[in-house]
Amino acid sequence: MPIATLEEIREKVGLPIGVSEWIKMGQERIEQFADATDDHQFIHVDQKLAVQTPFGGTIAHGFLSLSLLSRMAADVMLIPDTTKMAVNYGLDRVRFLAPVRSGKRVRGHFTLAAADEKAPGQLLLKHNVTVEIEGEEKPALTAEWLGLIFT
């Protein structure tokens, strides 16, 4: 994650801060997520049945795509140079807009929406994130993601 001063971060509110690297959503990753979450719905893990659906094959779990925000953020999120610890604080809004088919690549587009002092030594960062699917018009998801930084 890029390091910045608190002042530099506050100056970026309302601006795009970056686009992550591409991440491949392979079938092995999808099946590992199914195992980790006990969500083995056929549209994720049964290629023979999934090909008969409107998706034309297996698709990633929406929550798998969402969980990759942490990995995507590592490429672009600005972290104060005084950071002692950063934690995931939650999501204000998530919408799953399009399926991510097995074998596709995704990447995150991040805009810093807010940087507010929650308490002394605590900075609440809000990012608007769109997860793009390579070669497709509609994104996989949009989210308003909150991170709490302890300085």
Protein backbone atom coordinates (compact mmCIF):
# COMPACT_ATOMS: atom_id res chain seq x y z
CA MET A 1 0.00 0.00 0.00
CA PRO A 2 1.32 3.45 -0.84
CA ILE A 3 2.32 5.55 2.18
CA ALA A 4 1.14 9.17 2.49
CA THR A 5 0.77 11.86 5.11
CA LEU A 6 -2.64 12.54 6.66
CA GLU A 7 -2.68 15.86 4.83
CA GLU A 8 -1.98 14.18 1.46
CA ILE A 9 -4.77 11.67 2.11
CA ARG A 10 -7.31 14.37 2.98
CA GLU A 11 -6.43 16.18 -0.26
CA LYS A 12 -7.42 13.06 -2.23
CA VAL A 13 -11.01 12.90 -0.90
CA GLY A 14 -13.38 12.71 -3.85
CA LEU A 15 -10.65 11.59 -6.26
CA PRO A 16 -9.79 8.24 -7.82
CA ILE A 17 -6.70 6.88 -6.08
CA GLY A 18 -5.90 3.92 -8.30
CA VAL A 19 -6.65 0.68 -10.05
CA SER A 20 -5.40 -2.66 -8.76
CA GLU A 21 -3.61 -5.35 -10.69
CA TRP A 22 -5.71 -7.99 -12.46
CA ILE A 23 -6.61 -11.11 -10.45
CA LYS A 24 -7.59 -14.33 -12.23
CA MET A 25 -10.80 -15.93 -11.02
CA GLY A 26 -9.89 -19.52 -11.84
CA GLN A 27 -11.99 -22.57 -11.09
CA GLU A 28 -9.51 -23.75 -8.45
CA ARG A 29 -9.92 -20.47 -6.52
CA ILE A 30 -13.72 -20.78 -6.79
CA GLU A 31 -13.67 -24.35 -5.48
CA GLN A 32 -11.33 -23.42 -2.61
CA PHE A 33 -13.74 -20.65 -1.62
CA ALA A 34 -16.65 -23.11 -1.82
CA ASP A 35 -14.77 -25.43 0.53
CA ALA A 36 -13.88 -22.62 2.93
CA THR A 37 -17.48 -21.37 3.15
CA ASP A 38 -19.39 -24.64 2.66
CA ASP A 39 -21.19 -23.03 -0.29
CA HIS A 40 -21.11 -25.73 -2.96
CA GLN A 41 -24.04 -24.51 -5.05
CA PHE A 42 -23.77 -26.13 -8.48
CA ILE A 43 -23.37 -22.81 -10.34
CA HIS A 44 -19.98 -22.50 -8.66
CA VAL A 45 -18.60 -26.03 -8.67
CA ASP A 46 -20.41 -28.29 -11.16
CA GLN A 47 -19.25 -27.42 -14.64
CA LYS A 48 -21.60 -29.91 -16.35
CA LEU A 49 -24.73 -28.49 -14.72
CA ALA A 50 -23.59 -24.85 -14.75
CA VAL A 51 -23.12 -24.89 -18.52
CA GLN A 52 -26.89 -25.38 -18.81
CA THR A 53 -27.64 -22.12 -16.97
CA PRO A 54 -27.82 -18.64 -18.50
CA PHE A 55 -24.24 -18.15 -17.20
CA GLY A 56 -22.95 -20.80 -19.62
CA GLY A 57 -20.55 -22.22 -17.03
CA THR A 58 -19.43 -21.87 -13.47
CA ILE A 59 -19.27 -18.47 -11.81
CA ALA A 60 -17.48 -17.11 -8.77
CA HIS A 61 -19.36 -16.55 -5.54
CA GLY A 62 -20.26 -12.89 -5.10
CA PHE A 63 -18.63 -13.00 -1.67
CA LEU A 64 -15.43 -14.36 -3.24
CA SER A 65 -15.27 -11.32 -5.52
CA LEU A 66 -15.97 -9.09 -2.52
CA SER A 67 -13.32 -10.78 -0.38
CA LEU A 68 -10.67 -9.92 -2.97
CA LEU A 69 -11.05 -6.21 -2.13
CA SER A 70 -8.36 -6.63 0.52
CA ARG A 71 -5.92 -7.96 -2.06
CA MET A 72 -6.86 -5.27 -4.56
CA ALA A 73 -6.53 -2.52 -1.95
CA ALA A 74 -2.94 -3.54 -1.26
CA ASP A 75 -2.04 -2.15 -4.70
CA VAL A 76 -3.62 1.28 -4.32
CA MET A 77 -4.96 2.34 -0.92
CA LEU A 78 -3.19 5.24 0.73
CA ILE A 79 -2.04 4.51 4.27
CA PRO A 80 -0.95 7.28 6.63
CA ASP A 81 2.76 7.32 7.42
CA THR A 82 1.84 7.27 11.12
CA THR A 83 -0.23 4.06 10.92
CA LYS A 84 0.07 1.64 13.82
CA MET A 85 -2.73 -0.67 12.66
CA ALA A 86 -5.47 -0.80 10.03
CA VAL A 87 -8.67 -2.85 10.27
CA ASN A 88 -11.63 -3.57 8.07
CA TYR A 89 -14.53 -1.55 9.53
CA GLY A 90 -17.29 -2.81 7.24
CA LEU A 91 -19.36 -1.92 4.22
CA ASP A 92 -22.10 0.66 3.85
CA ARG A 93 -23.39 -0.64 0.55
CA VAL A 94 -22.62 -3.57 -1.73
CA ARG A 95 -24.28 -4.46 -4.99
CA PHE A 96 -23.46 -7.55 -7.07
CA LEU A 97 -24.11 -6.43 -10.64
CA ALA A 98 -22.73 -9.14 -12.93
CA PRO A 99 -21.45 -12.70 -12.56
CA VAL A 100 -17.73 -13.36 -12.78
CA ARG A 101 -17.30 -16.40 -14.98
CA SER A 102 -14.58 -18.89 -14.17
CA GLY A 103 -11.35 -17.97 -15.96
CA LYS A 104 -12.07 -14.23 -16.10
CA ARG A 105 -9.87 -11.57 -14.51
CA VAL A 106 -11.05 -8.82 -12.18
CA ARG A 107 -9.54 -5.63 -10.81
CA GLY A 108 -10.64 -2.90 -8.43
CA HIS A 109 -11.06 0.81 -9.11
CA PHE A 110 -10.80 2.84 -5.89
CA THR A 111 -11.99 6.37 -5.12
CA LEU A 112 -11.42 7.89 -1.69
CA ALA A 113 -14.88 9.12 -0.66
CA ALA A 114 -14.11 10.32 2.87
CA ALA A 115 -11.36 10.58 5.47
CA ASP A 116 -12.80 11.50 8.86
CA GLU A 117 -11.43 11.44 12.39
CA LYS A 118 -13.59 8.94 14.27
CA ALA A 119 -11.81 9.47 17.61
CA PRO A 120 -8.39 10.79 18.59
CA GLY A 121 -5.82 8.68 16.76
CA GLN A 122 -8.47 6.97 14.59
CA LEU A 123 -9.04 7.82 10.93
CA LEU A 124 -12.08 6.36 9.19
CA LEU A 125 -11.48 5.99 5.44
CA LYS A 126 -14.36 5.35 3.06
CA HIS A 127 -13.62 4.09 -0.45
CA ASN A 128 -16.02 3.67 -3.33
CA VAL A 129 -14.89 0.56 -5.15
CA THR A 130 -15.93 -0.86 -8.49
CA VAL A 131 -14.73 -4.33 -9.46
CA GLU A 132 -14.24 -4.51 -13.21
CA ILE A 133 -14.48 -7.77 -15.16
CA GLU A 134 -11.96 -7.87 -17.99
CA GLY A 135 -13.65 -7.45 -21.38
CA GLU A 136 -17.12 -6.80 -19.97
CA GLU A 137 -19.13 -3.59 -19.77
CA LYS A 138 -20.90 -4.28 -16.49
CA PRO A 139 -18.84 -4.48 -13.30
CA ALA A 140 -18.98 -7.47 -10.97
CA LEU A 141 -19.82 -5.30 -8.00
CA THR A 142 -19.76 -1.89 -6.41
CA ALA A 143 -19.12 -1.26 -2.72
CA GLU A 144 -18.69 1.49 -0.18
CA TRP A 145 -15.89 0.09 1.98
CA LEU A 146 -14.78 1.41 5.36
CA GLY A 147 -11.36 1.05 6.91
CA LEU A 148 -10.31 2.23 10.35
CA ILE A 149 -6.73 3.42 10.69
CA PHE A 150 -5.07 3.75 14.10
CA THR A 151 -2.32 6.38 14.09
